[in-house]
Amino acid sequence: MENSATLDTPHKSKLSHLLQSLGPGIMMATAAVGGSHLVASTKAGAIFGWQLALLILLVNFLKYPFFRAGVTYTMGTGQSLIAGYADMGKGYLWLFTLLTAMSAVINTAALTIFSASLLGIFLPFDLSLPVLSAIVIIACLAILLRGHFNALEGLAKIIMGVLTVTTLIAVVVAANQVQAVPADFNPPSAWSIASIGFIVIMMGWMPAPIEISCLTSLWLKRQCKEIKVTNQSALFDFNVGYIITALLAIAFLALGALVLHGHTDSLEKSGIAFSHQLVGMYASTIGEWSKMLIAVIAFGCIFGSTITVIDGYARALAEAKALLQHSNDEPRHNSWMLLISACAMAVILFFVSSLMAMLNFAMVLAFMTTPIFALLNYKLVNGSNLPVGLALTKKMKVLSWLGLTYLFGFLALFIWWKWLM
């Protein structure tokens, strides 16, 4: 018995270390599982049923090397991806900084309003959207400023744990009470020209913009100061987060396919309105008790994205500013969190009528630069002298080139659909 216990100890210790190292990958998943999952994946199931399930998995697979770069480059060099962009040329750093600054304010404002509208479901009294938005912002800042990285890391684990369990429960419930598709319903084809617009945008943003890899890189760099992180544990953390992200995309597609498919005549276009419609349809078709279940899932999705992007964008801008100024001081991101939050609230208070136009512009710009950052990530990892286990294998290089072909191909398709069709 003693020998058996002795033999088991290293294995348990190794497993314990892997579980302890979970953090940046889970935070990446929390940032990614937002509108792209709650709205895009669910709508895909509602409109097309199960037609896009394999395509969603394929897209996540093809983008894997570029998100993984945030881990392999940081663990292999000790630098963030943003520092890597600076080494490749100041133009790339400026492009990243300007895109990130714009996205930080607009995306934070949009996610805050989204979170606020869902928060209202849980309150027994009515509050205006600006007041609810202020509550969300204050809650995020209170958690981040008081608990810093450790608080966000712990909260991300809780959110993803609850989100995964509740979403799977909702899928099981929906599967046991599948709504009958009307006899006269003729499902649209996902492979027609009419569907190109929806598919291009959904696939382009699944699971998230490539720039999220930079946030993962910064969170990992920060984690390495807190605990001992090995190459194996860092990749384990990333893989767990990425796999959860892909599986939840399918789970949300299932929610739409099982409950909404065949009942999409009056499907709301706006993400906020659609999320409320989703909650209402579950309550009316499965039972009033399911309303809170879906509301928790929806709020967890969006609030998790809100708090992680506030922290992540702030870290990215602090790092970029330090690199542009050639400063050796440790980047301080607290002031950036406050600035991003203040600007987001200003947009909500004074420019809310223009927010959708601003968000669409930010989405288009980020979508068009995604292949560029994917290529930069590939060049950084491929051109660095990384140790075995982090360096690109032949299979990973092939997957990277397939992914780049997909990204640039989708960009060409998007340009044709948006401006030439």
Protein backbone atom coordinates (compact mmCIF):
# COMPACT_ATOMS: atom_id res chain seq x y z
CA MET A 1 0.00 0.00 0.00
CA GLU A 2 2.82 2.40 0.80
CA ASN A 3 4.46 1.74 -2.55
CA SER A 4 1.17 2.34 -4.34
CA ALA A 5 0.66 5.63 -2.53
CA THR A 6 4.21 6.65 -3.28
CA LEU A 7 3.73 5.90 -6.95
CA ASP A 8 0.45 7.82 -7.06
CA THR A 9 1.83 10.96 -5.42
CA PRO A 10 3.76 12.36 -8.44
CA HIS A 11 0.72 11.75 -10.64
CA LYS A 12 -1.61 13.52 -8.19
CA SER A 13 0.89 16.34 -7.77
CA LYS A 14 1.13 16.78 -11.53
CA LEU A 15 -2.65 16.78 -11.93
CA SER A 16 -3.01 19.24 -9.04
CA HIS A 17 -0.51 21.59 -10.68
CA LEU A 18 -2.35 21.42 -14.01
CA LEU A 19 -5.66 22.25 -12.34
CA GLN A 20 -4.05 25.05 -10.32
CA SER A 21 -2.62 26.58 -13.49
CA LEU A 22 -6.07 26.96 -15.07
CA GLY A 23 -6.55 30.67 -15.59
CA PRO A 24 -5.62 32.58 -18.77
CA GLY A 25 -7.21 29.94 -21.02
CA ILE A 26 -10.43 30.04 -19.00
CA MET A 27 -10.35 33.86 -19.07
CA MET A 28 -9.94 33.72 -22.86
CA ALA A 29 -13.00 31.45 -23.04
CA THR A 30 -14.97 33.85 -20.81
CA ALA A 31 -14.10 36.75 -23.13
CA ALA A 32 -14.94 34.73 -26.25
CA VAL A 33 -18.24 33.23 -25.10
CA GLY A 34 -20.35 36.34 -25.54
CA GLY A 35 -22.43 37.64 -28.41
CA SER A 36 -20.83 35.25 -30.89
CA HIS A 37 -22.24 32.32 -28.91
CA LEU A 38 -25.41 33.62 -27.27
CA VAL A 39 -26.64 35.42 -30.38
CA ALA A 40 -24.82 34.11 -33.48
CA SER A 41 -24.68 30.40 -32.59
CA THR A 42 -28.23 30.33 -31.23
CA LYS A 43 -29.55 32.16 -34.30
CA ALA A 44 -27.67 29.71 -36.54
CA GLY A 45 -29.54 26.86 -34.89
CA ALA A 46 -32.83 28.73 -34.97
CA ILE A 47 -32.61 29.56 -38.68
CA PHE A 48 -30.72 26.61 -40.15
CA GLY A 49 -31.17 23.85 -37.57
CA TRP A 50 -28.09 21.62 -37.40
CA GLN A 51 -26.72 22.53 -40.85
CA LEU A 52 -23.83 24.66 -39.53
CA ALA A 53 -22.69 22.44 -36.64
CA LEU A 54 -19.73 20.85 -38.45
CA LEU A 55 -18.76 24.19 -39.99
CA ILE A 56 -18.61 25.82 -36.54
CA LEU A 57 -16.31 23.07 -35.28
CA LEU A 58 -14.17 23.35 -38.43
CA VAL A 59 -13.77 27.11 -38.00
CA ASN A 60 -12.67 26.70 -34.38
CA PHE A 61 -10.19 24.05 -35.53
CA LEU A 62 -8.74 26.25 -38.30
CA LYS A 63 -8.26 29.23 -35.97
CA TYR A 64 -6.64 27.16 -33.22
CA PRO A 65 -2.95 27.83 -34.14
CA PHE A 66 -3.39 31.61 -34.05
CA PHE A 67 -5.00 31.68 -30.61
CA ARG A 68 -2.45 29.11 -29.37
CA ALA A 69 0.31 31.51 -30.42
CA GLY A 70 -0.47 33.70 -27.41
CA VAL A 71 0.64 30.83 -25.17
CA THR A 72 3.55 29.37 -27.12
CA TYR A 73 5.19 32.72 -27.89
CA THR A 74 4.90 34.03 -24.34
CA MET A 75 6.10 30.79 -22.71
CA GLY A 76 8.95 30.46 -25.21
CA THR A 77 10.20 34.07 -25.15
CA GLY A 78 8.86 35.58 -21.92
CA GLN A 79 7.36 38.39 -24.01
CA SER A 80 3.78 39.21 -24.91
CA LEU A 81 2.53 39.01 -28.49
CA ILE A 82 2.25 42.80 -28.43
CA ALA A 83 5.99 43.06 -27.77
CA GLY A 84 6.46 40.69 -30.69
CA TYR A 85 4.47 43.03 -32.95
CA ALA A 86 6.69 45.91 -31.82
CA ASP A 87 9.80 43.89 -32.71
CA MET A 88 8.40 43.28 -36.20
CA GLY A 89 7.82 46.98 -36.84
CA LYS A 90 6.30 50.04 -35.21
CA GLY A 91 3.57 50.16 -37.88
CA TYR A 92 2.16 46.85 -36.68
CA LEU A 93 2.19 48.09 -33.08
CA TRP A 94 0.39 51.31 -34.04
CA LEU A 95 -2.21 49.34 -36.01
CA PHE A 96 -2.84 47.09 -33.01
CA THR A 97 -2.96 50.02 -30.58
CA LEU A 98 -5.44 52.09 -32.61
CA LEU A 99 -7.69 49.11 -33.32
CA THR A 100 -7.59 48.06 -29.66
CA ALA A 101 -8.32 51.56 -28.34
CA MET A 102 -11.38 51.87 -30.57
CA SER A 103 -12.60 48.35 -29.87
CA ALA A 104 -12.04 48.77 -26.13
CA VAL A 105 -14.48 51.66 -25.82
CA ILE A 106 -17.11 50.54 -28.34
CA ASN A 107 -17.16 46.86 -27.36
CA THR A 108 -17.20 47.68 -23.65
CA ALA A 109 -20.13 50.05 -24.17
CA ALA A 110 -22.05 47.46 -26.21
CA LEU A 111 -21.37 44.61 -23.76
CA THR A 112 -22.26 46.84 -20.79
CA ILE A 113 -25.65 47.73 -22.29
CA PHE A 114 -26.20 44.06 -23.14
CA SER A 115 -25.33 43.01 -19.57
CA ALA A 116 -27.50 45.79 -18.13
CA SER A 117 -30.57 44.77 -20.13
CA LEU A 118 -30.20 41.15 -18.94
CA LEU A 119 -29.58 42.28 -15.36
CA GLY A 120 -32.99 43.93 -15.46
CA ILE A 121 -34.63 40.49 -15.80
CA PHE A 122 -33.57 39.58 -12.26
CA LEU A 123 -34.74 42.81 -10.58
CA PRO A 124 -38.24 43.09 -9.11
CA PHE A 125 -38.35 46.79 -10.03
CA ASP A 126 -37.59 48.84 -13.14
CA LEU A 127 -34.42 50.88 -13.62
CA SER A 128 -33.36 52.82 -16.69
CA LEU A 129 -30.73 51.29 -18.99
CA PRO A 130 -28.09 53.94 -18.13
CA VAL A 131 -28.54 53.25 -14.40
CA LEU A 132 -28.29 49.49 -14.94
CA SER A 133 -25.22 50.08 -17.12
CA ALA A 134 -23.59 52.12 -14.36
CA ILE A 135 -24.28 49.27 -11.91
CA VAL A 136 -22.59 46.79 -14.26
CA ILE A 137 -19.55 49.05 -14.77
CA ILE A 138 -19.20 49.75 -11.04
CA ALA A 139 -19.47 46.04 -10.23
CA CYS A 140 -16.77 45.18 -12.79
CA LEU A 141 -14.41 47.88 -11.56
CA ALA A 142 -15.00 47.01 -7.90
CA ILE A 143 -14.01 43.39 -8.57
CA LEU A 144 -11.02 44.25 -10.76
CA LEU A 145 -9.60 47.11 -8.67
CA ARG A 146 -10.04 45.33 -5.35
CA GLY A 147 -9.04 41.80 -6.31
CA HIS A 148 -6.96 42.50 -9.42
CA PHE A 149 -5.78 39.51 -11.49
CA ASN A 150 -6.56 36.86 -8.86
CA ALA A 151 -10.16 38.04 -8.53
CA LEU A 152 -10.71 38.01 -12.28
CA GLU A 153 -9.08 34.60 -12.61
CA GLY A 154 -11.28 33.16 -9.85
CA LEU A 155 -14.43 34.81 -11.20
CA ALA A 156 -13.72 33.54 -14.73
CA LYS A 157 -13.51 29.97 -13.42
CA ILE A 158 -16.82 30.36 -11.58
CA ILE A 159 -18.57 31.94 -14.57
CA MET A 160 -17.33 29.30 -17.01
CA GLY A 161 -18.15 26.50 -14.60
CA VAL A 162 -21.71 27.73 -14.00
CA LEU A 163 -22.16 28.64 -17.66
CA THR A 164 -21.04 25.22 -18.89
CA VAL A 165 -23.20 23.29 -16.43
CA THR A 166 -26.34 25.42 -16.88
CA THR A 167 -26.02 25.44 -20.69
CA LEU A 168 -25.70 21.66 -20.82
CA ILE A 169 -28.72 21.34 -18.49
CA ALA A 170 -30.70 23.65 -20.79
CA VAL A 171 -29.72 21.55 -23.84
CA VAL A 172 -30.82 18.34 -22.09
CA VAL A 173 -34.12 19.96 -21.06
CA ALA A 174 -34.69 21.24 -24.60
CA ALA A 175 -33.84 17.83 -26.10
CA ASN A 176 -36.49 16.21 -23.92
CA GLN A 177 -39.10 18.77 -24.97
CA VAL A 178 -38.31 19.36 -28.64
CA GLN A 179 -40.77 21.75 -30.23
CA ALA A 180 -42.62 20.37 -33.23
CA VAL A 181 -41.63 22.04 -36.49
CA PRO A 182 -44.72 23.32 -38.34
CA ALA A 183 -45.71 21.05 -41.23
CA ASP A 184 -45.58 23.92 -43.73
CA PHE A 185 -42.12 25.07 -42.61
CA ASN A 186 -39.54 24.99 -45.40
CA PRO A 187 -36.08 25.32 -43.77
CA PRO A 188 -33.74 27.70 -45.61
CA SER A 189 -30.48 26.35 -46.99
CA ALA A 190 -27.32 27.50 -45.27
CA TRP A 191 -25.46 27.07 -48.55
CA SER A 192 -27.37 29.61 -50.67
CA ILE A 193 -26.26 33.10 -51.71
CA ALA A 194 -28.97 34.56 -49.46
CA SER A 195 -27.24 33.04 -46.43
CA ILE A 196 -23.74 34.34 -47.22
CA GLY A 197 -24.06 37.51 -45.14
CA PHE A 198 -25.07 35.70 -41.96
CA ILE A 199 -22.48 32.94 -42.36
CA VAL A 200 -19.59 35.29 -43.18
CA ILE A 201 -20.17 37.41 -40.08
CA MET A 202 -20.80 34.44 -37.77
CA MET A 203 -17.77 32.47 -38.95
CA GLY A 204 -15.55 35.53 -38.98
CA TRP A 205 -16.29 36.16 -35.30
CA MET A 206 -16.23 32.54 -34.14
CA PRO A 207 -14.93 32.02 -31.48
CA ALA A 208 -13.59 35.59 -31.16
CA PRO A 209 -11.36 38.11 -32.98
CA ILE A 210 -7.73 36.91 -33.23
CA GLU A 211 -6.63 39.89 -31.12
CA ILE A 212 -7.98 38.04 -28.07
CA SER A 213 -4.79 35.96 -28.34
CA CYS A 214 -2.90 39.08 -27.20
CA LEU A 215 -5.04 39.29 -24.08
CA THR A 216 -4.36 35.61 -23.35
CA SER A 217 -0.65 36.34 -23.76
CA LEU A 218 -0.80 39.19 -21.23
CA TRP A 219 -2.85 37.19 -18.71
CA LEU A 220 -0.36 34.32 -19.00
CA LYS A 221 2.57 36.69 -18.51
CA ARG A 222 0.84 37.99 -15.37
CA GLN A 223 0.08 34.48 -14.10
CA CYS A 224 3.73 33.51 -14.40
CA LYS A 225 4.48 36.13 -11.72
CA GLU A 226 1.97 34.53 -9.35
CA ILE A 227 2.69 30.80 -9.67
CA LYS A 228 5.10 28.46 -11.39
CA VAL A 229 3.78 27.80 -14.90
CA THR A 230 5.27 25.09 -17.11
CA ASN A 231 4.92 24.78 -20.87
CA GLN A 232 2.71 21.75 -20.36
CA SER A 233 0.42 23.41 -17.81
CA ALA A 234 0.07 26.57 -19.93
CA LEU A 235 -0.96 24.56 -23.00
CA PHE A 236 -3.29 22.42 -20.88
CA ASP A 237 -5.02 25.55 -19.59
CA PHE A 238 -5.33 27.00 -23.09
CA ASN A 239 -6.63 23.76 -24.60
CA VAL A 240 -9.26 23.35 -21.87
CA GLY A 241 -10.50 26.90 -22.43
CA TYR A 242 -10.50 26.59 -26.21
CA ILE A 243 -12.31 23.24 -26.22
CA ILE A 244 -14.95 24.59 -23.83
CA THR A 245 -15.43 27.57 -26.16
CA ALA A 246 -15.98 25.31 -29.18
CA LEU A 247 -18.32 22.92 -27.34
CA LEU A 248 -20.41 25.79 -25.96
CA ALA A 249 -20.79 27.13 -29.51
CA ILE A 250 -22.40 23.80 -30.44
CA ALA A 251 -24.48 23.83 -27.25
CA PHE A 252 -25.90 27.25 -28.08
CA LEU A 253 -26.59 26.12 -31.64
CA ALA A 254 -28.49 23.19 -30.10
CA LEU A 255 -30.57 25.58 -27.97
CA GLY A 256 -31.66 27.40 -31.11
CA ALA A 257 -32.21 24.25 -33.16
CA LEU A 258 -34.26 22.46 -30.49
CA VAL A 259 -36.51 25.33 -29.37
CA LEU A 260 -36.57 28.03 -32.05
CA HIS A 261 -36.11 26.18 -35.37
CA GLY A 262 -39.26 26.48 -37.44
CA HIS A 263 -40.52 29.41 -35.34
CA THR A 264 -38.31 32.18 -36.73
CA ASP A 265 -40.85 34.37 -38.54
CA SER A 266 -40.52 37.12 -35.94
CA LEU A 267 -36.91 36.57 -34.88
CA GLU A 268 -35.44 39.77 -33.43
CA LYS A 269 -32.44 41.25 -35.27
CA SER A 270 -30.84 43.09 -32.37
CA GLY A 271 -28.70 40.97 -30.03
CA ILE A 272 -30.30 42.46 -26.90
CA ALA A 273 -33.85 41.97 -28.19
CA PHE A 274 -33.03 38.45 -29.37
CA SER A 275 -31.64 37.43 -25.97
CA HIS A 276 -34.86 38.59 -24.30
CA GLN A 277 -36.87 36.78 -26.97
CA LEU A 278 -34.86 33.62 -26.30
CA VAL A 279 -35.64 33.84 -22.57
CA GLY A 280 -39.32 34.42 -23.33
CA MET A 281 -39.61 31.56 -25.81
CA TYR A 282 -38.07 29.11 -23.37
CA ALA A 283 -40.52 30.23 -20.70
CA SER A 284 -43.51 29.85 -23.04
CA THR A 285 -42.52 26.53 -24.61
CA ILE A 286 -40.79 24.63 -21.79
CA GLY A 287 -42.19 26.32 -18.72
CA GLU A 288 -41.91 29.49 -16.69
CA TRP A 289 -39.32 27.81 -14.45
CA SER A 290 -36.87 27.70 -17.39
CA LYS A 291 -36.91 31.50 -17.71
CA MET A 292 -34.40 31.98 -14.89
CA LEU A 293 -32.19 29.18 -16.21
CA ILE A 294 -31.83 30.79 -19.64
CA ALA A 295 -31.56 34.26 -18.08
CA VAL A 296 -28.63 33.08 -15.93
CA ILE A 297 -26.95 31.60 -19.01
CA ALA A 298 -27.46 34.77 -21.05
CA PHE A 299 -26.28 37.10 -18.27
CA GLY A 300 -23.28 34.87 -17.47
CA CYS A 301 -22.23 34.96 -21.13
CA ILE A 302 -22.32 38.71 -21.48
CA PHE A 303 -21.19 39.79 -18.01
CA GLY A 304 -18.22 37.42 -18.24
CA SER A 305 -17.25 38.98 -21.54
CA THR A 306 -17.71 42.49 -20.15
CA ILE A 307 -15.43 42.13 -17.13
CA THR A 308 -12.71 40.20 -18.98
CA VAL A 309 -12.51 42.62 -21.91
CA ILE A 310 -12.29 45.62 -19.57
CA ASP A 311 -9.28 44.03 -17.88
CA GLY A 312 -7.81 42.61 -21.08
CA TYR A 313 -8.11 45.74 -23.19
CA ALA A 314 -6.65 47.81 -20.34
CA ARG A 315 -3.63 45.49 -20.09
CA ALA A 316 -3.16 45.58 -23.84
CA LEU A 317 -3.26 49.38 -24.06
CA ALA A 318 -0.94 49.75 -21.05
CA GLU A 319 1.54 47.36 -22.66
CA ALA A 320 1.28 49.09 -26.05
CA LYS A 321 1.81 52.54 -24.49
CA ALA A 322 4.92 51.33 -22.65
CA LEU A 323 6.34 49.84 -25.87
CA LEU A 324 5.60 52.96 -27.92
CA GLN A 325 7.35 55.10 -25.29
CA HIS A 326 10.21 52.58 -24.89
CA SER A 327 9.50 52.52 -21.16
CA ASN A 328 11.01 49.80 -18.97
CA ASP A 329 8.54 50.44 -16.16
CA GLU A 330 5.93 47.80 -15.36
CA PRO A 331 2.77 48.75 -17.34
CA ARG A 332 -0.02 49.91 -14.98
CA HIS A 333 -3.43 49.12 -16.29
CA ASN A 334 -5.73 50.37 -13.50
CA SER A 335 -5.90 53.87 -14.99
CA TRP A 336 -6.69 52.36 -18.39
CA MET A 337 -9.58 50.37 -16.89
CA LEU A 338 -11.01 53.56 -15.44
CA LEU A 339 -10.53 55.46 -18.71
CA ILE A 340 -12.11 52.71 -20.85
CA SER A 341 -15.06 52.43 -18.44
CA ALA A 342 -15.58 56.21 -18.34
CA CYS A 343 -15.50 56.46 -22.15
CA ALA A 344 -17.90 53.51 -22.46
CA MET A 345 -20.35 55.18 -20.07
CA ALA A 346 -20.03 58.43 -22.02
CA VAL A 347 -20.98 56.56 -25.21
CA ILE A 348 -23.98 55.00 -23.41
CA LEU A 349 -25.13 58.36 -22.02
CA PHE A 350 -24.54 60.64 -25.01
CA PHE A 351 -24.07 58.52 -28.15
CA VAL A 352 -26.28 55.48 -27.56
CA SER A 353 -28.26 56.16 -30.75
CA SER A 354 -25.01 55.87 -32.73
CA LEU A 355 -23.68 52.84 -30.83
CA MET A 356 -24.86 50.24 -33.36
CA ALA A 357 -23.25 52.13 -36.25
CA MET A 358 -20.04 52.47 -34.23
CA LEU A 359 -20.14 48.79 -33.29
CA ASN A 360 -20.69 47.72 -36.90
CA PHE A 361 -17.74 49.87 -37.99
CA ALA A 362 -15.52 48.38 -35.27
CA MET A 363 -16.63 44.85 -36.19
CA VAL A 364 -15.92 45.36 -39.89
CA LEU A 365 -12.50 46.89 -39.21
CA ALA A 366 -11.55 44.14 -36.76
CA PHE A 367 -12.82 41.48 -39.17
CA MET A 368 -10.71 42.89 -42.00
CA THR A 369 -7.56 43.03 -39.87
CA THR A 370 -8.04 39.54 -38.37
CA PRO A 371 -6.10 37.76 -41.17
CA ILE A 372 -3.24 40.24 -40.72
CA PHE A 373 -2.90 39.50 -37.00
CA ALA A 374 -3.25 35.76 -37.68
CA LEU A 375 -0.34 36.00 -40.13
CA LEU A 376 1.69 38.03 -37.62
CA ASN A 377 1.06 35.42 -34.92
CA TYR A 378 2.18 32.66 -37.28
CA LYS A 379 5.33 34.54 -38.28
CA LEU A 380 6.20 35.30 -34.65
CA VAL A 381 5.89 31.67 -33.54
CA ASN A 382 7.47 30.23 -36.67
CA GLY A 383 10.36 32.71 -36.63
CA SER A 384 11.22 32.35 -32.94
CA ASN A 385 13.59 29.77 -31.52
CA LEU A 386 11.03 28.05 -29.32
CA PRO A 387 11.75 24.87 -27.34
CA VAL A 388 10.34 21.49 -28.32
CA GLY A 389 6.69 21.30 -27.32
CA LEU A 390 6.13 24.97 -28.14
CA ALA A 391 7.63 25.19 -31.62
CA LEU A 392 5.36 24.56 -34.59
CA THR A 393 5.32 20.96 -35.78
CA LYS A 394 4.83 20.10 -39.45
CA LYS A 395 1.18 19.28 -38.77
CA MET A 396 0.66 22.59 -36.98
CA LYS A 397 2.29 24.47 -39.88
CA VAL A 398 -0.08 22.77 -42.32
CA LEU A 399 -3.04 23.66 -40.10
CA SER A 400 -1.75 27.26 -39.89
CA TRP A 401 -1.62 27.59 -43.67
CA LEU A 402 -5.09 26.08 -44.00
CA GLY A 403 -6.27 28.57 -41.39
CA LEU A 404 -4.67 31.51 -43.20
CA THR A 405 -6.24 30.38 -46.48
CA TYR A 406 -9.62 30.25 -44.73
CA LEU A 407 -9.21 33.69 -43.11
CA PHE A 408 -8.04 35.50 -46.25
CA GLY A 409 -10.66 33.61 -48.29
CA PHE A 410 -13.41 34.70 -45.91
CA LEU A 411 -12.09 38.27 -46.07
CA ALA A 412 -12.37 38.21 -49.87
CA LEU A 413 -15.87 36.74 -49.59
CA PHE A 414 -16.83 39.42 -47.06
CA ILE A 415 -15.56 42.23 -49.32
CA TRP A 416 -17.49 40.76 -52.26
CA TRP A 417 -20.68 40.39 -50.20
CA LYS A 418 -20.42 43.78 -48.49
CA TRP A 419 -19.41 46.03 -51.37
CA LEU A 420 -19.39 44.16 -54.69
CA MET A 421 -22.40 41.83 -54.73
